[in-house]
PDB file of N, CA and C in Angstrom:
ATOM      1  N   UNK A   1     112.955  91.846 106.685  1.00  0.00           N
ATOM      2  CA  UNK A   1     111.918  92.800 106.298  1.00  0.00           C
ATOM      3  C   UNK A   1     110.649  92.511 107.105  1.00  0.00           C
ATOM      4  N   UNK A   2     110.130  93.543 107.715  1.00  0.00           N
ATOM      5  CA  UNK A   2     108.936  93.367 108.533  1.00  0.00           C
ATOM      6  C   UNK A   2     107.689  93.393 107.665  1.00  0.00           C
ATOM      7  N   UNK A   3     106.643  92.774 108.189  1.00  0.00           N
ATOM      8  CA  UNK A   3     105.382  92.777 107.461  1.00  0.00           C
ATOM      9  C   UNK A   3     104.566  94.005 107.854  1.00  0.00           C
ATOM     10  N   UNK A   4     103.638  94.365 106.999  1.00  0.00           N
ATOM     11  CA  UNK A   4     102.860  95.579 107.206  1.00  0.00           C
ATOM     12  C   UNK A   4     101.524  95.383 107.876  1.00  0.00           C
ATOM     13  N   UNK A   5     101.347  94.234 108.577  1.00  0.00           N
ATOM     14  CA  UNK A   5     100.048  93.976 109.202  1.00  0.00           C
ATOM     15  C   UNK A   5      99.963  94.484 110.636  1.00  0.00           C
ATOM     16  N   UNK A   6     101.102  94.845 111.231  1.00  0.00           N
ATOM     17  CA  UNK A   6     101.110  95.350 112.609  1.00  0.00           C
ATOM     18  C   UNK A   6     101.358  96.857 112.611  1.00  0.00           C
ATOM     19  N   UNK A   7     100.489  97.586 113.274  1.00  0.00           N
ATOM     20  CA  UNK A   7     100.600  99.049 113.302  1.00  0.00           C
ATOM     21  C   UNK A   7     101.886  99.501 113.985  1.00  0.00           C
ATOM     22  N   UNK A   8     102.349  98.705 114.969  1.00  0.00           N
ATOM     23  CA  UNK A   8     103.554  99.084 115.726  1.00  0.00           C
ATOM     24  C   UNK A   8     104.810  99.072 114.856  1.00  0.00           C
ATOM     25  N   UNK A   9     104.790  98.339 113.727  1.00  0.00           N
ATOM     26  CA  UNK A   9     105.950  98.297 112.827  1.00  0.00           C
ATOM     27  C   UNK A   9     106.050  99.533 111.943  1.00  0.00           C
ATOM     28  N   UNK A  10     104.975 100.305 111.865  1.00  0.00           N
ATOM     29  CA  UNK A  10     104.903 101.385 110.875  1.00  0.00           C
ATOM     30  C   UNK A  10     105.036 102.728 111.568  1.00  0.00           C
ATOM     31  N   UNK A  11     105.983 103.520 111.087  1.00  0.00           N
ATOM     32  CA  UNK A  11     106.223 104.847 111.651  1.00  0.00           C
ATOM     33  C   UNK A  11     106.156 105.870 110.524  1.00  0.00           C
ATOM     34  N   UNK A  12     105.743 107.070 110.874  1.00  0.00           N
ATOM     35  CA  UNK A  12     105.728 108.152 109.884  1.00  0.00           C
ATOM     36  C   UNK A  12     107.160 108.431 109.442  1.00  0.00           C
ATOM     37  N   UNK A  13     107.357 108.550 108.129  1.00  0.00           N
ATOM     38  CA  UNK A  13     108.671 108.840 107.580  1.00  0.00           C
ATOM     39  C   UNK A  13     109.443 107.636 107.071  1.00  0.00           C
ATOM     40  N   UNK A  14     108.938 106.406 107.318  1.00  0.00           N
ATOM     41  CA  UNK A  14     109.652 105.233 106.802  1.00  0.00           C
ATOM     42  C   UNK A  14     109.230 104.947 105.365  1.00  0.00           C
ATOM     43  N   UNK A  15     110.081 104.204 104.668  1.00  0.00           N
ATOM     44  CA  UNK A  15     109.806 103.850 103.278  1.00  0.00           C
ATOM     45  C   UNK A  15     109.114 102.491 103.229  1.00  0.00           C
ATOM     46  N   UNK A  16     108.023 102.427 102.472  1.00  0.00           N
ATOM     47  CA  UNK A  16     107.217 101.206 102.401  1.00  0.00           C
ATOM     48  C   UNK A  16     106.787 100.943 100.967  1.00  0.00           C
ATOM     49  N   UNK A  17     106.358  99.707 100.728  1.00  0.00           N
ATOM     50  CA  UNK A  17     105.630  99.360  99.510  1.00  0.00           C
ATOM     51  C   UNK A  17     104.179  99.149  99.910  1.00  0.00           C
ATOM     52  N   UNK A  18     103.257  99.820  99.206  1.00  0.00           N
ATOM     53  CA  UNK A  18     101.837  99.645  99.484  1.00  0.00           C
ATOM     54  C   UNK A  18     101.149  99.100  98.243  1.00  0.00           C
ATOM     55  N   UNK A  19      99.975  98.523  98.463  1.00  0.00           N
ATOM     56  CA  UNK A  19      99.121  98.142  97.342  1.00  0.00           C
ATOM     57  C   UNK A  19      97.937  99.112  97.348  1.00  0.00           C
ATOM     58  N   UNK A  20      97.743  99.793  96.228  1.00  0.00           N
ATOM     59  CA  UNK A  20      96.632 100.735  96.083  1.00  0.00           C
ATOM     60  C   UNK A  20      95.339  99.962  95.858  1.00  0.00           C
ATOM     61  N   UNK A  21      94.203 100.613  96.149  1.00  0.00           N
ATOM     62  CA  UNK A  21      92.897  99.975  95.957  1.00  0.00           C
ATOM     63  C   UNK A  21      92.774  99.431  94.525  1.00  0.00           C
ATOM     64  N   UNK A  22      93.166 100.229  93.543  1.00  0.00           N
ATOM     65  CA  UNK A  22      93.022  99.817  92.138  1.00  0.00           C
ATOM     66  C   UNK A  22      93.959  98.667  91.770  1.00  0.00           C
ATOM     67  N   UNK A  23      94.997  98.433  92.578  1.00  0.00           N
ATOM     68  CA  UNK A  23      95.981  97.378  92.288  1.00  0.00           C
ATOM     69  C   UNK A  23      95.777  96.115  93.110  1.00  0.00           C
ATOM     70  N   UNK A  24      94.708  96.054  93.896  1.00  0.00           N
ATOM     71  CA  UNK A  24      94.535  94.899  94.779  1.00  0.00           C
ATOM     72  C   UNK A  24      94.413  93.591  94.000  1.00  0.00           C
ATOM     73  N   UNK A  25      93.815  93.627  92.806  1.00  0.00           N
ATOM     74  CA  UNK A  25      93.664  92.402  92.021  1.00  0.00           C
ATOM     75  C   UNK A  25      94.972  91.982  91.362  1.00  0.00           C
ATOM     76  N   UNK A  26      95.731  92.946  90.826  1.00  0.00           N
ATOM     77  CA  UNK A  26      96.956  92.582  90.105  1.00  0.00           C
ATOM     78  C   UNK A  26      98.193  92.563  91.007  1.00  0.00           C
ATOM     79  N   UNK A  27      98.105  93.110  92.210  1.00  0.00           N
ATOM     80  CA  UNK A  27      99.202  93.025  93.169  1.00  0.00           C
ATOM     81  C   UNK A  27     100.350  93.990  92.937  1.00  0.00           C
ATOM     82  N   UNK A  28     100.164  94.983  92.040  1.00  0.00           N
ATOM     83  CA  UNK A  28     101.224  95.979  91.821  1.00  0.00           C
ATOM     84  C   UNK A  28     101.492  96.748  93.106  1.00  0.00           C
ATOM     85  N   UNK A  29     102.786  96.939  93.416  1.00  0.00           N
ATOM     86  CA  UNK A  29     103.161  97.678  94.620  1.00  0.00           C
ATOM     87  C   UNK A  29     103.620  99.083  94.249  1.00  0.00           C
ATOM     88  N   UNK A  30     103.343 100.017  95.140  1.00  0.00           N
ATOM     89  CA  UNK A  30     103.750 101.405  94.973  1.00  0.00           C
ATOM     90  C   UNK A  30     104.662 101.764  96.136  1.00  0.00           C
ATOM     91  N   UNK A  31     105.839 102.301  95.826  1.00  0.00           N
ATOM     92  CA  UNK A  31     106.811 102.638  96.867  1.00  0.00           C
ATOM     93  C   UNK A  31     106.630 104.092  97.284  1.00  0.00           C
ATOM     94  N   UNK A  32     106.811 104.373  98.567  1.00  0.00           N
ATOM     95  CA  UNK A  32     106.718 105.748  99.030  1.00  0.00           C
ATOM     96  C   UNK A  32     107.053 105.881 100.500  1.00  0.00           C
ATOM     97  N   UNK A  33     106.969 107.122 100.973  1.00  0.00           N
ATOM     98  CA  UNK A  33     107.260 107.463 102.369  1.00  0.00           C
ATOM     99  C   UNK A  33     105.932 107.690 103.101  1.00  0.00           C
ATOM    100  N   UNK A  34     105.791 107.081 104.286  1.00  0.00           N
ATOM    101  CA  UNK A  34     104.550 107.197 105.060  1.00  0.00           C
ATOM    102  C   UNK A  34     104.393 108.626 105.591  1.00  0.00           C
ATOM    103  N   UNK A  35     103.225 109.218 105.296  1.00  0.00           N
ATOM    104  CA  UNK A  35     102.887 110.542 105.834  1.00  0.00           C
ATOM    105  C   UNK A  35     101.892 110.423 106.990  1.00  0.00           C
ATOM    106  N   UNK A  36     100.867 109.583 106.825  1.00  0.00           N
ATOM    107  CA  UNK A  36      99.850 109.382 107.863  1.00  0.00           C
ATOM    108  C   UNK A  36      99.529 107.900 107.963  1.00  0.00           C
ATOM    109  N   UNK A  37      99.240 107.446 109.192  1.00  0.00           N
ATOM    110  CA  UNK A  37      98.770 106.083 109.423  1.00  0.00           C
ATOM    111  C   UNK A  37      97.260 106.176 109.613  1.00  0.00           C
ATOM    112  N   UNK A  38      96.511 105.511 108.747  1.00  0.00           N
ATOM    113  CA  UNK A  38      95.060 105.662 108.730  1.00  0.00           C
ATOM    114  C   UNK A  38      94.330 104.574 109.508  1.00  0.00           C
ATOM    115  N   UNK A  39      94.935 103.391 109.655  1.00  0.00           N
ATOM    116  CA  UNK A  39      94.297 102.309 110.413  1.00  0.00           C
ATOM    117  C   UNK A  39      94.482 102.576 111.904  1.00  0.00           C
ATOM    118  N   UNK A  40      93.371 102.499 112.647  1.00  0.00           N
ATOM    119  CA  UNK A  40      93.431 102.753 114.091  1.00  0.00           C
ATOM    120  C   UNK A  40      93.729 101.489 114.896  1.00  0.00           C
ATOM    121  N   UNK A  41      93.328 100.323 114.394  1.00  0.00           N
ATOM    122  CA  UNK A  41      93.504  99.089 115.159  1.00  0.00           C
ATOM    123  C   UNK A  41      94.979  98.663 115.167  1.00  0.00           C
ATOM    124  N   UNK A  42      95.409  97.884 116.176  1.00  0.00           N
ATOM    125  CA  UNK A  42      96.822  97.503 116.280  1.00  0.00           C
ATOM    126  C   UNK A  42      97.311  96.612 115.151  1.00  0.00           C
ATOM    127  N   UNK A  43      96.394  95.871 114.497  1.00  0.00           N
ATOM    128  CA  UNK A  43      96.808  95.096 113.334  1.00  0.00           C
ATOM    129  C   UNK A  43      95.635  94.901 112.391  1.00  0.00           C
ATOM    130  N   UNK A  44      95.972  94.559 111.138  1.00  0.00           N
ATOM    131  CA  UNK A  44      94.951  94.329 110.113  1.00  0.00           C
ATOM    132  C   UNK A  44      95.482  93.241 109.184  1.00  0.00           C
ATOM    133  N   UNK A  45      94.667  92.218 108.897  1.00  0.00           N
ATOM    134  CA  UNK A  45      95.179  91.072 108.119  1.00  0.00           C
ATOM    135  C   UNK A  45      95.646  91.427 106.705  1.00  0.00           C
ATOM    136  N   UNK A  46      95.098  92.490 106.121  1.00  0.00           N
ATOM    137  CA  UNK A  46      95.483  92.866 104.749  1.00  0.00           C
ATOM    138  C   UNK A  46      96.527  93.964 104.708  1.00  0.00           C
ATOM    139  N   UNK A  47      96.985  94.412 105.871  1.00  0.00           N
ATOM    140  CA  UNK A  47      97.987  95.473 105.914  1.00  0.00           C
ATOM    141  C   UNK A  47      97.402  96.757 106.496  1.00  0.00           C
ATOM    142  N   UNK A  48      98.246  97.516 107.158  1.00  0.00           N
ATOM    143  CA  UNK A  48      97.832  98.786 107.754  1.00  0.00           C
ATOM    144  C   UNK A  48      97.655  99.812 106.632  1.00  0.00           C
ATOM    145  N   UNK A  49      96.548 100.549 106.670  1.00  0.00           N
ATOM    146  CA  UNK A  49      96.287 101.549 105.632  1.00  0.00           C
ATOM    147  C   UNK A  49      97.047 102.837 105.974  1.00  0.00           C
ATOM    148  N   UNK A  50      97.776 103.357 104.991  1.00  0.00           N
ATOM    149  CA  UNK A  50      98.566 104.570 105.181  1.00  0.00           C
ATOM    150  C   UNK A  50      98.355 105.529 104.008  1.00  0.00           C
ATOM    151  N   UNK A  51      98.688 106.802 104.249  1.00  0.00           N
ATOM    152  CA  UNK A  51      98.771 107.796 103.178  1.00  0.00           C
ATOM    153  C   UNK A  51     100.234 108.124 102.971  1.00  0.00           C
ATOM    154  N   UNK A  52     100.678 108.075 101.724  1.00  0.00           N
ATOM    155  CA  UNK A  52     102.058 108.416 101.400  1.00  0.00           C
ATOM    156  C   UNK A  52     102.206 109.928 101.267  1.00  0.00           C
ATOM    157  N   UNK A  53     103.463 110.393 101.238  1.00  0.00           N
ATOM    158  CA  UNK A  53     103.721 111.833 101.116  1.00  0.00           C
ATOM    159  C   UNK A  53     103.159 112.416  99.827  1.00  0.00           C
ATOM    160  N   UNK A  54     103.031 111.580  98.785  1.00  0.00           N
ATOM    161  CA  UNK A  54     102.463 112.086  97.528  1.00  0.00           C
ATOM    162  C   UNK A  54     100.935 112.015  97.501  1.00  0.00           C
ATOM    163  N   UNK A  55     100.323 111.593  98.615  1.00  0.00           N
ATOM    164  CA  UNK A  55      98.869 111.605  98.728  1.00  0.00           C
ATOM    165  C   UNK A  55      98.181 110.288  98.401  1.00  0.00           C
ATOM    166  N   UNK A  56      98.911 109.312  97.890  1.00  0.00           N
ATOM    167  CA  UNK A  56      98.294 108.025  97.563  1.00  0.00           C
ATOM    168  C   UNK A  56      98.004 107.238  98.844  1.00  0.00           C
ATOM    169  N   UNK A  57      96.895 106.504  98.837  1.00  0.00           N
ATOM    170  CA  UNK A  57      96.471 105.734 100.006  1.00  0.00           C
ATOM    171  C   UNK A  57      96.423 104.256  99.636  1.00  0.00           C
ATOM    172  N   UNK A  58      96.976 103.431 100.525  1.00  0.00           N
ATOM    173  CA  UNK A  58      96.927 101.989 100.296  1.00  0.00           C
ATOM    174  C   UNK A  58      97.351 101.238 101.543  1.00  0.00           C
ATOM    175  N   UNK A  59      97.393  99.908 101.414  1.00  0.00           N
ATOM    176  CA  UNK A  59      97.763  99.069 102.554  1.00  0.00           C
ATOM    177  C   UNK A  59      99.211  98.610 102.435  1.00  0.00           C
ATOM    178  N   UNK A  60      99.926  98.673 103.556  1.00  0.00           N
ATOM    179  CA  UNK A  60     101.355  98.344 103.567  1.00  0.00           C
ATOM    180  C   UNK A  60     101.536  96.850 103.352  1.00  0.00           C
ATOM    181  N   UNK A  61     102.360  96.512 102.360  1.00  0.00           N
ATOM    182  CA  UNK A  61     102.727  95.118 102.093  1.00  0.00           C
ATOM    183  C   UNK A  61     104.145  94.828 102.560  1.00  0.00           C
ATOM    184  N   UNK A  62     105.062  95.790 102.405  1.00  0.00           N
ATOM    185  CA  UNK A  62     106.454  95.590 102.802  1.00  0.00           C
ATOM    186  C   UNK A  62     106.983  96.870 103.432  1.00  0.00           C
ATOM    187  N   UNK A  63     107.807  96.695 104.470  1.00  0.00           N
ATOM    188  CA  UNK A  63     108.514  97.811 105.088  1.00  0.00           C
ATOM    189  C   UNK A  63     109.959  97.720 104.594  1.00  0.00           C
ATOM    190  N   UNK A  64     110.447  98.779 103.966  1.00  0.00           N
ATOM    191  CA  UNK A  64     111.732  98.703 103.268  1.00  0.00           C
ATOM    192  C   UNK A  64     112.909  99.107 104.133  1.00  0.00           C
ATOM    193  N   UNK A  65     112.695  99.773 105.259  1.00  0.00           N
ATOM    194  CA  UNK A  65     113.832 100.239 106.054  1.00  0.00           C
ATOM    195  C   UNK A  65     114.203  99.233 107.129  1.00  0.00           C
TER     196      UNK A  65
END
């Protein structure tokens, strides 16, 4: 399983687990399909920020595919 800190690992349409802003303290993960990649830099220590197809925004913690 790849980590979500490198932008090159993340493609539109893949299934990921993200942590939402409201869940950053408790660490709850939300599963979904990537619709948009919001982080412009090639990597980010806390995970690349993405928007899921259902509109939720968070940082990628796990890539499931």
